[in-house]
């Protein structure tokens, strides 16, 4: 290899190559890197939301089931909250603050209060519903450079479980 070719290769100059293309890769990286980082953050947010929704749904299911096997509304509420907390702890979901609960009921298909569902006459079909809500935090994946990035998202789920029509009353 002649000295002139080796020198041109080292300097990055080749005959016929335009000098205006020098540094274009650096510009492309500088433009695309923030978009790529934003895409990765968005994937983290979507994943965290999906995992949170699944955990909340499992907690609502367990809460409604625990409430439905209780004999009275007070015991049902306590059992529902305990079952949901146990499920959320097991799933490892950290809510921003404690999860919130909403309790409703139905008797013979008509909506009613949680307490009245337990007071239904023997033989009359009744059900209880528990809604569990939690704000899933994105604080650990939050980047201030991504505009519009939320700090968290509210996720909730409701589950209904029938009461035994012939259960003993408390």
C-alpha atoms as a PDB file:
ATOM      1  CA  UNK A   1       0.000   0.000   0.000  1.00  0.00           C
ATOM      2  CA  UNK A   2       1.430   3.338  -0.950  1.00  0.00           C
ATOM      3  CA  UNK A   3       2.024   6.026   1.589  1.00  0.00           C
ATOM      4  CA  UNK A   4      -0.533   8.362   0.051  1.00  0.00           C
ATOM      5  CA  UNK A   5      -3.416   5.821   0.312  1.00  0.00           C
ATOM      6  CA  UNK A   6      -2.567   4.958   3.921  1.00  0.00           C
ATOM      7  CA  UNK A   7      -2.435   8.631   4.803  1.00  0.00           C
ATOM      8  CA  UNK A   8      -5.795   9.346   3.185  1.00  0.00           C
ATOM      9  CA  UNK A   9      -7.371   6.340   4.949  1.00  0.00           C
ATOM     10  CA  UNK A  10      -6.062   7.544   8.314  1.00  0.00           C
ATOM     11  CA  UNK A  11      -7.379  11.035   7.754  1.00  0.00           C
ATOM     12  CA  UNK A  12     -10.751   9.709   6.596  1.00  0.00           C
ATOM     13  CA  UNK A  13     -10.375  11.251   3.132  1.00  0.00           C
ATOM     14  CA  UNK A  14     -10.995   9.306  -0.012  1.00  0.00           C
ATOM     15  CA  UNK A  15     -11.062  10.563  -3.551  1.00  0.00           C
ATOM     16  CA  UNK A  16     -14.633  11.390  -4.603  1.00  0.00           C
ATOM     17  CA  UNK A  17     -16.010  11.529  -1.052  1.00  0.00           C
ATOM     18  CA  UNK A  18     -17.764  14.736  -0.125  1.00  0.00           C
ATOM     19  CA  UNK A  19     -16.479  16.568   2.902  1.00  0.00           C
ATOM     20  CA  UNK A  20     -20.043  17.656   3.862  1.00  0.00           C
ATOM     21  CA  UNK A  21     -20.908  14.160   5.124  1.00  0.00           C
ATOM     22  CA  UNK A  22     -18.351  14.249   7.893  1.00  0.00           C
ATOM     23  CA  UNK A  23     -19.978  14.110  11.354  1.00  0.00           C
ATOM     24  CA  UNK A  24     -23.428  13.088  10.091  1.00  0.00           C
ATOM     25  CA  UNK A  25     -23.465  10.003  12.320  1.00  0.00           C
ATOM     26  CA  UNK A  26     -22.928  12.176  15.376  1.00  0.00           C
ATOM     27  CA  UNK A  27     -25.897  14.336  14.423  1.00  0.00           C
ATOM     28  CA  UNK A  28     -28.088  11.284  13.824  1.00  0.00           C
ATOM     29  CA  UNK A  29     -27.186   9.849  17.227  1.00  0.00           C
ATOM     30  CA  UNK A  30     -27.816  13.196  18.919  1.00  0.00           C
ATOM     31  CA  UNK A  31     -31.270  13.394  17.325  1.00  0.00           C
ATOM     32  CA  UNK A  32     -32.305   9.746  17.766  1.00  0.00           C
ATOM     33  CA  UNK A  33     -30.917   9.059  21.261  1.00  0.00           C
ATOM     34  CA  UNK A  34     -33.588  11.073  23.140  1.00  0.00           C
ATOM     35  CA  UNK A  35     -36.331   9.422  21.085  1.00  0.00           C
ATOM     36  CA  UNK A  36     -34.897   5.991  21.852  1.00  0.00           C
ATOM     37  CA  UNK A  37     -34.669   6.811  25.578  1.00  0.00           C
ATOM     38  CA  UNK A  38     -38.262   8.074  25.548  1.00  0.00           C
ATOM     39  CA  UNK A  39     -39.356   4.828  23.874  1.00  0.00           C
ATOM     40  CA  UNK A  40     -37.619   2.783  26.580  1.00  0.00           C
ATOM     41  CA  UNK A  41     -39.273   4.839  29.327  1.00  0.00           C
ATOM     42  CA  UNK A  42     -42.649   4.381  27.638  1.00  0.00           C
ATOM     43  CA  UNK A  43     -42.086   0.623  27.571  1.00  0.00           C
ATOM     44  CA  UNK A  44     -41.313   0.723  31.300  1.00  0.00           C
ATOM     45  CA  UNK A  45     -44.489   2.703  32.013  1.00  0.00           C
ATOM     46  CA  UNK A  46     -46.615   0.311  29.942  1.00  0.00           C
ATOM     47  CA  UNK A  47     -45.087  -2.708  31.649  1.00  0.00           C
ATOM     48  CA  UNK A  48     -45.506  -1.262  35.133  1.00  0.00           C
ATOM     49  CA  UNK A  49     -49.159  -0.408  34.373  1.00  0.00           C
ATOM     50  CA  UNK A  50     -49.883  -3.904  33.063  1.00  0.00           C
ATOM     51  CA  UNK A  51     -48.302  -5.581  36.084  1.00  0.00           C
ATOM     52  CA  UNK A  52     -50.164  -3.190  38.404  1.00  0.00           C
ATOM     53  CA  UNK A  53     -53.493  -3.887  36.693  1.00  0.00           C
ATOM     54  CA  UNK A  54     -52.985  -7.632  37.033  1.00  0.00           C
ATOM     55  CA  UNK A  55     -52.095  -7.328  40.729  1.00  0.00           C
ATOM     56  CA  UNK A  56     -55.114  -5.098  41.431  1.00  0.00           C
ATOM     57  CA  UNK A  57     -57.408  -7.505  39.593  1.00  0.00           C
ATOM     58  CA  UNK A  58     -56.129 -10.430  41.666  1.00  0.00           C
ATOM     59  CA  UNK A  59     -56.535  -8.364  44.841  1.00  0.00           C
ATOM     60  CA  UNK A  60     -60.138  -7.450  43.943  1.00  0.00           C
ATOM     61  CA  UNK A  61     -60.926 -11.107  43.251  1.00  0.00           C
ATOM     62  CA  UNK A  62     -59.483 -12.242  46.581  1.00  0.00           C
ATOM     63  CA  UNK A  63     -61.197  -9.380  48.432  1.00  0.00           C
ATOM     64  CA  UNK A  64     -64.640 -10.169  47.001  1.00  0.00           C
ATOM     65  CA  UNK A  65     -64.230 -13.874  47.686  1.00  0.00           C
ATOM     66  CA  UNK A  66     -63.130 -13.237  51.274  1.00  0.00           C
ATOM     67  CA  UNK A  67     -66.082 -10.881  51.796  1.00  0.00           C
ATOM     68  CA  UNK A  68     -68.580 -13.343  50.337  1.00  0.00           C
ATOM     69  CA  UNK A  69     -67.694 -16.134  52.759  1.00  0.00           C
ATOM     70  CA  UNK A  70     -68.102 -13.867  55.780  1.00  0.00           C
ATOM     71  CA  UNK A  71     -71.306 -13.913  57.825  1.00  0.00           C
ATOM     72  CA  UNK A  72     -71.830 -10.162  58.214  1.00  0.00           C
ATOM     73  CA  UNK A  73     -70.850  -6.892  56.541  1.00  0.00           C
ATOM     74  CA  UNK A  74     -68.328  -5.786  59.184  1.00  0.00           C
ATOM     75  CA  UNK A  75     -66.440  -9.055  59.077  1.00  0.00           C
ATOM     76  CA  UNK A  76     -66.745  -9.035  55.283  1.00  0.00           C
ATOM     77  CA  UNK A  77     -65.114  -5.605  54.987  1.00  0.00           C
ATOM     78  CA  UNK A  78     -62.271  -6.560  57.301  1.00  0.00           C
ATOM     79  CA  UNK A  79     -61.700  -9.862  55.470  1.00  0.00           C
ATOM     80  CA  UNK A  80     -61.763  -8.110  52.084  1.00  0.00           C
ATOM     81  CA  UNK A  81     -59.209  -5.480  53.086  1.00  0.00           C
ATOM     82  CA  UNK A  82     -56.930  -8.110  54.634  1.00  0.00           C
ATOM     83  CA  UNK A  83     -57.146 -10.395  51.590  1.00  0.00           C
ATOM     84  CA  UNK A  84     -56.420  -7.529  49.178  1.00  0.00           C
ATOM     85  CA  UNK A  85     -53.457  -6.324  51.252  1.00  0.00           C
ATOM     86  CA  UNK A  86     -52.045  -9.836  51.401  1.00  0.00           C
ATOM     87  CA  UNK A  87     -52.391 -10.254  47.625  1.00  0.00           C
ATOM     88  CA  UNK A  88     -50.793  -6.860  46.900  1.00  0.00           C
ATOM     89  CA  UNK A  89     -47.908  -7.634  49.273  1.00  0.00           C
ATOM     90  CA  UNK A  90     -47.429 -11.020  47.636  1.00  0.00           C
ATOM     91  CA  UNK A  91     -47.425  -9.423  44.166  1.00  0.00           C
ATOM     92  CA  UNK A  92     -44.954  -6.782  45.377  1.00  0.00           C
ATOM     93  CA  UNK A  93     -47.055  -3.860  44.135  1.00  0.00           C
ATOM     94  CA  UNK A  94     -46.178  -0.599  45.826  1.00  0.00           C
ATOM     95  CA  UNK A  95     -49.058   1.828  45.637  1.00  0.00           C
ATOM     96  CA  UNK A  96     -48.699   5.551  46.190  1.00  0.00           C
ATOM     97  CA  UNK A  97     -50.441   5.552  49.555  1.00  0.00           C
ATOM     98  CA  UNK A  98     -52.780   2.800  50.712  1.00  0.00           C
ATOM     99  CA  UNK A  99     -55.165   1.221  48.206  1.00  0.00           C
ATOM    100  CA  UNK A 100     -58.763   2.434  48.327  1.00  0.00           C
ATOM    101  CA  UNK A 101     -61.805   0.180  48.519  1.00  0.00           C
ATOM    102  CA  UNK A 102     -65.411   0.525  47.441  1.00  0.00           C
ATOM    103  CA  UNK A 103     -68.008  -1.968  48.685  1.00  0.00           C
ATOM    104  CA  UNK A 104     -71.404  -2.532  47.054  1.00  0.00           C
ATOM    105  CA  UNK A 105     -73.947  -5.290  46.938  1.00  0.00           C
ATOM    106  CA  UNK A 106     -76.961  -6.604  45.101  1.00  0.00           C
ATOM    107  CA  UNK A 107     -80.060  -8.526  46.132  1.00  0.00           C
ATOM    108  CA  UNK A 108     -82.041 -10.446  43.498  1.00  0.00           C
ATOM    109  CA  UNK A 109     -80.062  -8.584  40.828  1.00  0.00           C
ATOM    110  CA  UNK A 110     -80.972  -5.096  42.119  1.00  0.00           C
ATOM    111  CA  UNK A 111     -78.100  -2.873  43.296  1.00  0.00           C
ATOM    112  CA  UNK A 112     -78.005  -2.175  47.006  1.00  0.00           C
ATOM    113  CA  UNK A 113     -75.552  -1.407  49.782  1.00  0.00           C
ATOM    114  CA  UNK A 114     -72.956  -3.836  51.033  1.00  0.00           C
ATOM    115  CA  UNK A 115     -74.757  -4.134  54.371  1.00  0.00           C
ATOM    116  CA  UNK A 116     -78.174  -4.838  52.808  1.00  0.00           C
ATOM    117  CA  UNK A 117     -76.729  -7.643  50.708  1.00  0.00           C
ATOM    118  CA  UNK A 118     -75.826  -9.456  53.937  1.00  0.00           C
ATOM    119  CA  UNK A 119     -79.286  -8.739  55.357  1.00  0.00           C
ATOM    120  CA  UNK A 120     -81.049 -10.486  52.448  1.00  0.00           C
ATOM    121  CA  UNK A 121     -83.643 -13.050  53.465  1.00  0.00           C
ATOM    122  CA  UNK A 122     -82.570 -16.713  53.430  1.00  0.00           C
ATOM    123  CA  UNK A 123     -83.025 -18.223  49.978  1.00  0.00           C
ATOM    124  CA  UNK A 124     -82.829 -14.846  48.237  1.00  0.00           C
ATOM    125  CA  UNK A 125     -79.830 -14.486  45.888  1.00  0.00           C
ATOM    126  CA  UNK A 126     -77.376 -11.780  46.922  1.00  0.00           C
ATOM    127  CA  UNK A 127     -73.863 -10.781  45.925  1.00  0.00           C
ATOM    128  CA  UNK A 128     -71.136  -8.436  47.115  1.00  0.00           C
ATOM    129  CA  UNK A 129     -68.747  -6.412  44.969  1.00  0.00           C
ATOM    130  CA  UNK A 130     -65.382  -5.024  45.962  1.00  0.00           C
ATOM    131  CA  UNK A 131     -63.508  -2.442  43.938  1.00  0.00           C
ATOM    132  CA  UNK A 132     -59.809  -1.976  44.686  1.00  0.00           C
ATOM    133  CA  UNK A 133     -57.985   1.119  43.409  1.00  0.00           C
ATOM    134  CA  UNK A 134     -54.312   1.996  43.615  1.00  0.00           C
ATOM    135  CA  UNK A 135     -52.057   4.601  42.044  1.00  0.00           C
ATOM    136  CA  UNK A 136     -49.055   2.817  40.551  1.00  0.00           C
ATOM    137  CA  UNK A 137     -45.916   4.937  40.890  1.00  0.00           C
ATOM    138  CA  UNK A 138     -43.508   5.661  38.048  1.00  0.00           C
ATOM    139  CA  UNK A 139     -41.153   7.638  40.291  1.00  0.00           C
ATOM    140  CA  UNK A 140     -38.248   5.260  39.802  1.00  0.00           C
ATOM    141  CA  UNK A 141     -38.506   5.361  35.990  1.00  0.00           C
ATOM    142  CA  UNK A 142     -39.446   9.023  35.722  1.00  0.00           C
ATOM    143  CA  UNK A 143     -37.181  11.126  33.569  1.00  0.00           C
ATOM    144  CA  UNK A 144     -37.654  14.866  33.675  1.00  0.00           C
ATOM    145  CA  UNK A 145     -36.308  15.104  30.130  1.00  0.00           C
ATOM    146  CA  UNK A 146     -39.379  13.277  28.788  1.00  0.00           C
ATOM    147  CA  UNK A 147     -42.154  15.847  28.482  1.00  0.00           C
ATOM    148  CA  UNK A 148     -45.596  14.790  29.685  1.00  0.00           C
ATOM    149  CA  UNK A 149     -44.300  11.834  31.693  1.00  0.00           C
ATOM    150  CA  UNK A 150     -46.875  11.048  34.400  1.00  0.00           C
ATOM    151  CA  UNK A 151     -45.760  10.403  37.978  1.00  0.00           C
ATOM    152  CA  UNK A 152     -48.229   7.527  38.349  1.00  0.00           C
ATOM    153  CA  UNK A 153     -51.438   5.999  37.062  1.00  0.00           C
ATOM    154  CA  UNK A 154     -54.640   5.033  38.844  1.00  0.00           C
ATOM    155  CA  UNK A 155     -55.478   1.372  38.328  1.00  0.00           C
ATOM    156  CA  UNK A 156     -58.688  -0.188  39.631  1.00  0.00           C
ATOM    157  CA  UNK A 157     -60.610  -3.436  39.351  1.00  0.00           C
ATOM    158  CA  UNK A 158     -63.984  -4.653  40.572  1.00  0.00           C
ATOM    159  CA  UNK A 159     -65.012  -8.207  41.299  1.00  0.00           C
ATOM    160  CA  UNK A 160     -68.386  -9.592  42.378  1.00  0.00           C
ATOM    161  CA  UNK A 161     -68.883 -12.772  44.358  1.00  0.00           C
ATOM    162  CA  UNK A 162     -72.223 -14.351  45.324  1.00  0.00           C
ATOM    163  CA  UNK A 163     -73.257 -14.831  48.939  1.00  0.00           C
ATOM    164  CA  UNK A 164     -74.483 -18.238  49.988  1.00  0.00           C
ATOM    165  CA  UNK A 165     -78.284 -17.855  50.102  1.00  0.00           C
ATOM    166  CA  UNK A 166     -78.574 -20.357  52.935  1.00  0.00           C
ATOM    167  CA  UNK A 167     -75.592 -19.258  55.016  1.00  0.00           C
ATOM    168  CA  UNK A 168     -76.005 -18.814  58.726  1.00  0.00           C
ATOM    169  CA  UNK A 169     -76.478 -15.206  59.758  1.00  0.00           C
ATOM    170  CA  UNK A 170     -74.300 -13.505  62.359  1.00  0.00           C
END
